[in-house]
Amino acid sequence: MRILVLFFWGIFITGIIGLASLLPAYFLSKTKYRSVTEEHQSLTKILELKEKNDNLASLLKELEEETTVLGNKTSILLPTDIFQKIIGKKSNAISLGAFTYQIVPDKKDPNKKSLVVSGIAQTRESLVAFVDKLRGDSVFSRVDLPVSNLAKSSKINFSLTLEGSF
């Protein structure tokens, strides 16, 4: 019976030693499992983002193709850009009152637009200088100032027409 008790004690101690020697391997495998799971999740997120990015890139490409079909997007200026150009060319002697913006149907130039600018000029010279500055800008293909606007020498109510592909 003693031998049987010693035998079971030996098996028990061997089992504890074996279990103790397997614990580091268990913890190491558990840690590796966690890191692999986290890496898998991050790669899955990256793949999802890449798919979204590819979808956005294809959508952007389609939009660019559609805009090139509709016309040359780089040559068209917004009305606010044109207004800023005009305002930037005026002097303190010119007071702008109104802008009338319209599309002029033209088979030769489908982007042709017309802009009527009206206001008050303090002197004839300041009005002529303002019109010359506008004529010097390549955006405007035509700047028309009626001669009747130059009849007075001061406090001139004027109305000029600008045309171009803007």
Protein backbone atom coordinates (compact mmCIF):
# COMPACT_ATOMS: atom_id res chain seq x y z
CA MET A 1 0.00 0.00 0.00
CA ARG A 2 2.91 2.33 0.71
CA ILE A 3 4.28 1.69 -2.69
CA LEU A 4 0.90 2.46 -4.19
CA VAL A 5 0.69 5.78 -2.27
CA LEU A 6 4.25 6.67 -3.33
CA PHE A 7 3.40 5.72 -6.89
CA PHE A 8 0.35 8.03 -6.92
CA TRP A 9 2.35 10.79 -5.24
CA GLY A 10 4.97 10.41 -7.93
CA ILE A 11 2.36 10.59 -10.65
CA PHE A 12 0.79 13.65 -8.96
CA ILE A 13 4.14 15.48 -8.63
CA THR A 14 5.06 14.54 -12.21
CA GLY A 15 1.71 15.91 -13.36
CA ILE A 16 2.27 19.19 -11.48
CA ILE A 17 5.80 19.53 -12.89
CA GLY A 18 4.50 18.76 -16.39
CA LEU A 19 1.67 21.25 -15.99
CA ALA A 20 4.08 23.90 -14.66
CA SER A 21 6.38 23.35 -17.64
CA LEU A 22 3.45 23.69 -20.08
CA LEU A 23 2.10 26.96 -18.61
CA PRO A 24 4.66 29.27 -20.32
CA ALA A 25 3.89 27.64 -23.67
CA TYR A 26 0.16 28.10 -23.01
CA PHE A 27 0.55 31.81 -22.14
CA LEU A 28 2.83 32.36 -25.14
CA SER A 29 0.33 30.74 -27.53
CA LYS A 30 -2.51 32.75 -25.96
CA THR A 31 -0.55 35.99 -26.49
CA LYS A 32 0.29 35.05 -30.08
CA TYR A 33 -3.35 34.23 -30.73
CA ARG A 34 -4.39 37.69 -29.49
CA SER A 35 -1.77 39.46 -31.60
CA VAL A 36 -2.71 37.47 -34.72
CA THR A 37 -6.40 38.26 -34.11
CA GLU A 38 -5.65 41.98 -33.72
CA GLU A 39 -3.50 41.96 -36.85
CA HIS A 40 -6.26 40.18 -38.76
CA GLN A 41 -8.78 42.80 -37.64
CA SER A 42 -6.51 45.68 -38.64
CA LEU A 43 -5.82 44.09 -42.04
CA THR A 44 -9.55 43.61 -42.55
CA LYS A 45 -10.12 47.31 -41.80
CA ILE A 46 -7.32 48.26 -44.19
CA LEU A 47 -8.84 46.11 -46.93
CA GLU A 48 -12.24 47.70 -46.35
CA LEU A 49 -10.69 51.17 -46.56
CA LYS A 50 -8.83 50.19 -49.71
CA GLU A 51 -12.06 48.97 -51.29
CA LYS A 52 -13.76 52.25 -50.35
CA ASN A 53 -10.80 54.17 -51.74
CA ASP A 54 -10.96 52.17 -54.98
CA ASN A 55 -14.69 52.87 -55.22
CA LEU A 56 -14.09 56.59 -54.63
CA ALA A 57 -11.27 56.62 -57.19
CA SER A 58 -13.46 54.98 -59.81
CA LEU A 59 -16.29 57.39 -58.99
CA LEU A 60 -13.91 60.33 -59.29
CA LYS A 61 -12.67 59.03 -62.63
CA GLU A 62 -16.26 58.71 -63.88
CA LEU A 63 -17.01 62.27 -62.75
CA GLU A 64 -13.92 63.58 -64.51
CA GLU A 65 -14.96 61.78 -67.70
CA GLU A 66 -18.44 63.28 -67.44
CA THR A 67 -17.06 66.78 -66.94
CA THR A 68 -14.79 66.43 -69.95
CA VAL A 69 -17.82 65.35 -71.98
CA LEU A 70 -19.69 68.43 -70.79
CA GLY A 71 -16.87 70.77 -71.69
CA ASN A 72 -13.43 71.99 -70.86
CA LYS A 73 -13.59 72.57 -67.12
CA THR A 74 -10.37 74.59 -66.84
CA SER A 75 -11.41 77.39 -69.23
CA ILE A 76 -14.67 78.25 -67.47
CA LEU A 77 -14.60 80.84 -64.72
CA LEU A 78 -17.32 81.30 -62.15
CA PRO A 79 -19.31 84.55 -62.22
CA THR A 80 -17.87 85.49 -58.83
CA ASP A 81 -14.34 85.21 -60.28
CA ILE A 82 -15.32 87.55 -63.13
CA PHE A 83 -16.88 90.02 -60.68
CA GLN A 84 -13.70 90.00 -58.60
CA LYS A 85 -11.61 90.66 -61.72
CA ILE A 86 -13.78 93.64 -62.63
CA ILE A 87 -13.79 95.04 -59.09
CA GLY A 88 -10.02 94.62 -58.90
CA LYS A 89 -9.55 96.79 -62.02
CA LYS A 90 -11.66 99.73 -60.89
CA SER A 91 -10.22 102.79 -59.19
CA ASN A 92 -11.69 104.78 -56.32
CA ALA A 93 -13.20 107.16 -58.88
CA ILE A 94 -15.45 104.36 -60.20
CA SER A 95 -18.51 103.21 -58.29
CA LEU A 96 -20.12 100.01 -59.54
CA GLY A 97 -23.86 99.72 -59.17
CA ALA A 98 -25.12 96.60 -60.91
CA PHE A 99 -24.01 93.47 -62.73
CA THR A 100 -26.24 91.68 -65.23
CA TYR A 101 -24.94 88.26 -66.21
CA GLN A 102 -26.41 86.33 -69.12
CA ILE A 103 -25.60 83.43 -71.44
CA VAL A 104 -25.46 84.42 -75.11
CA PRO A 105 -26.46 81.58 -77.48
CA ASP A 106 -23.68 81.19 -80.03
CA LYS A 107 -22.96 78.17 -82.22
CA LYS A 108 -19.27 79.03 -82.55
CA ASP A 109 -18.67 79.46 -78.83
CA PRO A 110 -21.11 77.61 -76.51
CA ASN A 111 -19.42 79.12 -73.44
CA LYS A 112 -19.98 82.70 -74.59
CA LYS A 113 -21.49 84.92 -71.94
CA SER A 114 -22.31 88.59 -71.61
CA LEU A 115 -22.00 90.81 -68.58
CA VAL A 116 -23.42 94.33 -68.34
CA VAL A 117 -21.76 96.49 -65.71
CA SER A 118 -23.27 99.79 -64.71
CA GLY A 119 -22.21 102.45 -62.26
CA ILE A 120 -20.99 105.99 -61.80
CA ALA A 121 -17.59 107.40 -62.77
CA GLN A 122 -16.31 110.59 -61.15
CA THR A 123 -14.45 111.66 -64.30
CA ARG A 124 -14.33 110.75 -67.98
CA GLU A 125 -10.62 109.92 -67.67
CA SER A 126 -11.22 107.43 -64.84
CA LEU A 127 -13.96 105.73 -66.92
CA VAL A 128 -11.69 105.47 -69.97
CA ALA A 129 -8.85 104.09 -67.82
CA PHE A 130 -11.21 101.51 -66.30
CA VAL A 131 -12.42 100.40 -69.75
CA ASP A 132 -8.81 100.20 -71.01
CA LYS A 133 -7.87 97.95 -68.08
CA LEU A 134 -10.83 95.67 -68.88
CA ARG A 135 -9.89 95.56 -72.58
CA GLY A 136 -6.37 94.53 -71.56
CA ASP A 137 -7.69 91.43 -69.79
CA SER A 138 -7.69 88.32 -72.00
CA VAL A 139 -10.83 86.98 -70.30
CA PHE A 140 -12.99 89.51 -72.13
CA SER A 141 -13.22 89.11 -75.91
CA ARG A 142 -15.17 92.36 -76.27
CA VAL A 143 -15.60 95.42 -74.05
CA ASP A 144 -18.23 97.82 -75.36
CA LEU A 145 -18.65 101.31 -73.92
CA PRO A 146 -21.25 103.39 -75.77
CA VAL A 147 -19.98 106.82 -76.85
CA SER A 148 -23.01 108.41 -75.21
CA ASN A 149 -21.48 107.49 -71.84
CA LEU A 150 -18.59 109.88 -72.59
CA ALA A 151 -20.80 112.93 -73.24
CA LYS A 152 -20.46 114.27 -69.69
CA SER A 153 -17.10 115.12 -68.12
CA SER A 154 -17.96 114.29 -64.49
CA LYS A 155 -20.42 112.20 -62.47
CA ILE A 156 -21.00 109.92 -65.45
CA ASN A 157 -23.65 107.23 -65.28
CA PHE A 158 -22.23 104.45 -67.44
CA SER A 159 -23.19 101.04 -68.69
CA LEU A 160 -20.65 98.83 -70.43
CA THR A 161 -21.00 95.36 -71.95
CA LEU A 162 -18.35 92.66 -71.53
CA GLU A 163 -18.38 89.48 -73.57
CA GLY A 164 -16.21 86.37 -73.37
CA SER A 165 -16.00 82.66 -72.69
CA PHE A 166 -16.16 82.83 -68.94
